[in-house]
């Protein structure tokens, strides 16, 4: 069928409908840059802040150890050549849970607020 149409001067056409209210350009000369994502350096800074403050946070030693492990994992993944958002999120969620549970401690409160600001 395609050959028949091509032989008789009927070239196939494409019709692209874009809905959504955004100013989008379509064409072979256009490129799209994805600026969404996250800045890993912010997570590295947060992880280092947690590691530095770990001795001062008034929590049980087991939870302090968990915070140190989560912060170390967060720093490690955030400094990798291609950090994966889901692998950054897991230790960050662990830190946030522990810090929230111990929000009566002033240092934990400050760290929690810093971590929350990274999520927005």
C-alpha atoms as a PDB file:
ATOM      1  CA  UNK A   1       0.000   0.000   0.000  1.00  0.00           C
ATOM      2  CA  UNK A   2       2.779   2.404   0.920  1.00  0.00           C
ATOM      3  CA  UNK A   3       4.566   1.738  -2.376  1.00  0.00           C
ATOM      4  CA  UNK A   4       1.355   2.300  -4.353  1.00  0.00           C
ATOM      5  CA  UNK A   5       0.751   5.631  -2.639  1.00  0.00           C
ATOM      6  CA  UNK A   6       4.373   6.705  -3.121  1.00  0.00           C
ATOM      7  CA  UNK A   7       4.259   5.847  -6.867  1.00  0.00           C
ATOM      8  CA  UNK A   8       1.133   7.926  -7.392  1.00  0.00           C
ATOM      9  CA  UNK A   9       2.554  11.019  -5.686  1.00  0.00           C
ATOM     10  CA  UNK A  10       0.764  10.575  -2.399  1.00  0.00           C
ATOM     11  CA  UNK A  11       3.321  11.083   0.333  1.00  0.00           C
ATOM     12  CA  UNK A  12       2.436   9.942   3.832  1.00  0.00           C
ATOM     13  CA  UNK A  13       1.813  12.794   6.253  1.00  0.00           C
ATOM     14  CA  UNK A  14       2.109  12.902   9.987  1.00  0.00           C
ATOM     15  CA  UNK A  15      -0.223  14.797  12.233  1.00  0.00           C
ATOM     16  CA  UNK A  16       0.882  15.518  15.788  1.00  0.00           C
ATOM     17  CA  UNK A  17      -1.595  16.938  18.253  1.00  0.00           C
ATOM     18  CA  UNK A  18      -0.172  18.342  21.461  1.00  0.00           C
ATOM     19  CA  UNK A  19      -2.560  19.204  24.254  1.00  0.00           C
ATOM     20  CA  UNK A  20      -1.706  20.864  27.492  1.00  0.00           C
ATOM     21  CA  UNK A  21      -1.329  24.621  27.389  1.00  0.00           C
ATOM     22  CA  UNK A  22       2.472  24.641  27.341  1.00  0.00           C
ATOM     23  CA  UNK A  23       4.444  26.482  24.698  1.00  0.00           C
ATOM     24  CA  UNK A  24       5.993  23.499  22.916  1.00  0.00           C
ATOM     25  CA  UNK A  25       7.808  23.584  19.617  1.00  0.00           C
ATOM     26  CA  UNK A  26       7.741  20.532  17.404  1.00  0.00           C
ATOM     27  CA  UNK A  27      10.134  19.905  14.558  1.00  0.00           C
ATOM     28  CA  UNK A  28      13.408  18.334  13.545  1.00  0.00           C
ATOM     29  CA  UNK A  29      15.423  21.452  14.447  1.00  0.00           C
ATOM     30  CA  UNK A  30      14.175  21.660  18.025  1.00  0.00           C
ATOM     31  CA  UNK A  31      15.685  20.116  21.114  1.00  0.00           C
ATOM     32  CA  UNK A  32      14.256  19.571  24.551  1.00  0.00           C
ATOM     33  CA  UNK A  33      16.326  19.945  27.671  1.00  0.00           C
ATOM     34  CA  UNK A  34      15.172  18.250  30.839  1.00  0.00           C
ATOM     35  CA  UNK A  35      15.975  20.555  33.743  1.00  0.00           C
ATOM     36  CA  UNK A  36      13.938  18.582  36.247  1.00  0.00           C
ATOM     37  CA  UNK A  37      15.777  16.471  38.752  1.00  0.00           C
ATOM     38  CA  UNK A  38      17.877  17.116  41.792  1.00  0.00           C
ATOM     39  CA  UNK A  39      21.197  18.620  42.694  1.00  0.00           C
ATOM     40  CA  UNK A  40      23.296  15.855  44.303  1.00  0.00           C
ATOM     41  CA  UNK A  41      25.613  18.391  45.951  1.00  0.00           C
ATOM     42  CA  UNK A  42      22.764  19.445  48.259  1.00  0.00           C
ATOM     43  CA  UNK A  43      22.405  15.872  49.494  1.00  0.00           C
ATOM     44  CA  UNK A  44      26.164  15.541  49.971  1.00  0.00           C
ATOM     45  CA  UNK A  45      26.174  18.693  52.096  1.00  0.00           C
ATOM     46  CA  UNK A  46      23.223  17.428  54.150  1.00  0.00           C
ATOM     47  CA  UNK A  47      24.830  14.013  54.683  1.00  0.00           C
ATOM     48  CA  UNK A  48      28.057  15.646  55.868  1.00  0.00           C
ATOM     49  CA  UNK A  49      26.102  17.918  58.172  1.00  0.00           C
ATOM     50  CA  UNK A  50      24.367  14.887  59.722  1.00  0.00           C
ATOM     51  CA  UNK A  51      27.691  13.052  60.115  1.00  0.00           C
ATOM     52  CA  UNK A  52      29.282  16.071  61.799  1.00  0.00           C
ATOM     53  CA  UNK A  53      26.327  16.508  64.171  1.00  0.00           C
ATOM     54  CA  UNK A  54      25.833  12.808  64.964  1.00  0.00           C
ATOM     55  CA  UNK A  55      27.832  12.878  68.231  1.00  0.00           C
ATOM     56  CA  UNK A  56      25.787  15.851  69.521  1.00  0.00           C
ATOM     57  CA  UNK A  57      22.288  14.471  68.816  1.00  0.00           C
ATOM     58  CA  UNK A  58      20.738  13.100  71.995  1.00  0.00           C
ATOM     59  CA  UNK A  59      19.475   9.698  70.826  1.00  0.00           C
ATOM     60  CA  UNK A  60      20.205   6.069  71.624  1.00  0.00           C
ATOM     61  CA  UNK A  61      23.490   4.723  70.300  1.00  0.00           C
ATOM     62  CA  UNK A  62      21.702   2.234  68.021  1.00  0.00           C
ATOM     63  CA  UNK A  63      19.756   5.054  66.364  1.00  0.00           C
ATOM     64  CA  UNK A  64      22.887   7.191  66.163  1.00  0.00           C
ATOM     65  CA  UNK A  65      24.566   4.312  64.349  1.00  0.00           C
ATOM     66  CA  UNK A  66      21.593   4.070  61.970  1.00  0.00           C
ATOM     67  CA  UNK A  67      21.839   7.804  61.272  1.00  0.00           C
ATOM     68  CA  UNK A  68      25.558   7.491  60.541  1.00  0.00           C
ATOM     69  CA  UNK A  69      24.947   4.537  58.183  1.00  0.00           C
ATOM     70  CA  UNK A  70      22.125   6.343  56.367  1.00  0.00           C
ATOM     71  CA  UNK A  71      24.138   9.555  56.084  1.00  0.00           C
ATOM     72  CA  UNK A  72      27.146   7.606  54.775  1.00  0.00           C
ATOM     73  CA  UNK A  73      24.966   5.860  52.175  1.00  0.00           C
ATOM     74  CA  UNK A  74      23.423   9.188  51.191  1.00  0.00           C
ATOM     75  CA  UNK A  75      26.847  10.766  50.755  1.00  0.00           C
ATOM     76  CA  UNK A  76      28.176   7.753  48.838  1.00  0.00           C
ATOM     77  CA  UNK A  77      25.279   7.637  46.385  1.00  0.00           C
ATOM     78  CA  UNK A  78      25.171  11.419  45.949  1.00  0.00           C
ATOM     79  CA  UNK A  79      28.869  11.545  45.054  1.00  0.00           C
ATOM     80  CA  UNK A  80      28.673   8.649  42.582  1.00  0.00           C
ATOM     81  CA  UNK A  81      29.149   9.503  38.885  1.00  0.00           C
ATOM     82  CA  UNK A  82      25.434   8.974  38.122  1.00  0.00           C
ATOM     83  CA  UNK A  83      23.382   9.203  41.336  1.00  0.00           C
ATOM     84  CA  UNK A  84      20.030   7.440  41.141  1.00  0.00           C
ATOM     85  CA  UNK A  85      17.155   9.357  42.755  1.00  0.00           C
ATOM     86  CA  UNK A  86      15.632   6.216  44.296  1.00  0.00           C
ATOM     87  CA  UNK A  87      18.961   5.206  45.830  1.00  0.00           C
ATOM     88  CA  UNK A  88      19.378   8.708  47.241  1.00  0.00           C
ATOM     89  CA  UNK A  89      15.825   8.733  48.567  1.00  0.00           C
ATOM     90  CA  UNK A  90      16.101   5.535  50.666  1.00  0.00           C
ATOM     91  CA  UNK A  91      18.788   6.729  53.097  1.00  0.00           C
ATOM     92  CA  UNK A  92      17.282  10.221  53.113  1.00  0.00           C
ATOM     93  CA  UNK A  93      13.910   8.775  54.181  1.00  0.00           C
ATOM     94  CA  UNK A  94      15.659   6.758  56.906  1.00  0.00           C
ATOM     95  CA  UNK A  95      17.371   9.871  58.225  1.00  0.00           C
ATOM     96  CA  UNK A  96      14.168  11.880  58.130  1.00  0.00           C
ATOM     97  CA  UNK A  97      12.237   9.202  60.038  1.00  0.00           C
ATOM     98  CA  UNK A  98      14.855   8.964  62.776  1.00  0.00           C
ATOM     99  CA  UNK A  99      15.244  12.732  63.071  1.00  0.00           C
ATOM    100  CA  UNK A 100      11.472  13.213  63.255  1.00  0.00           C
ATOM    101  CA  UNK A 101      11.148  10.617  66.028  1.00  0.00           C
ATOM    102  CA  UNK A 102      13.707  12.563  68.050  1.00  0.00           C
ATOM    103  CA  UNK A 103      12.554  16.062  67.262  1.00  0.00           C
ATOM    104  CA  UNK A 104      12.725  17.071  70.935  1.00  0.00           C
ATOM    105  CA  UNK A 105      16.482  17.380  70.463  1.00  0.00           C
ATOM    106  CA  UNK A 106      17.397  20.810  69.048  1.00  0.00           C
ATOM    107  CA  UNK A 107      20.112  19.493  66.731  1.00  0.00           C
ATOM    108  CA  UNK A 108      17.744  16.820  65.378  1.00  0.00           C
ATOM    109  CA  UNK A 109      15.097  19.503  64.763  1.00  0.00           C
ATOM    110  CA  UNK A 110      17.517  21.633  62.744  1.00  0.00           C
ATOM    111  CA  UNK A 111      18.701  18.655  60.718  1.00  0.00           C
ATOM    112  CA  UNK A 112      15.120  17.565  60.079  1.00  0.00           C
ATOM    113  CA  UNK A 113      14.174  21.018  58.774  1.00  0.00           C
ATOM    114  CA  UNK A 114      17.257  21.057  56.555  1.00  0.00           C
ATOM    115  CA  UNK A 115      16.349  17.647  55.149  1.00  0.00           C
ATOM    116  CA  UNK A 116      12.733  18.665  54.598  1.00  0.00           C
ATOM    117  CA  UNK A 117      13.834  21.667  52.568  1.00  0.00           C
ATOM    118  CA  UNK A 118      15.597  19.263  50.177  1.00  0.00           C
ATOM    119  CA  UNK A 119      12.319  17.458  49.509  1.00  0.00           C
ATOM    120  CA  UNK A 120      10.409  20.508  48.320  1.00  0.00           C
END
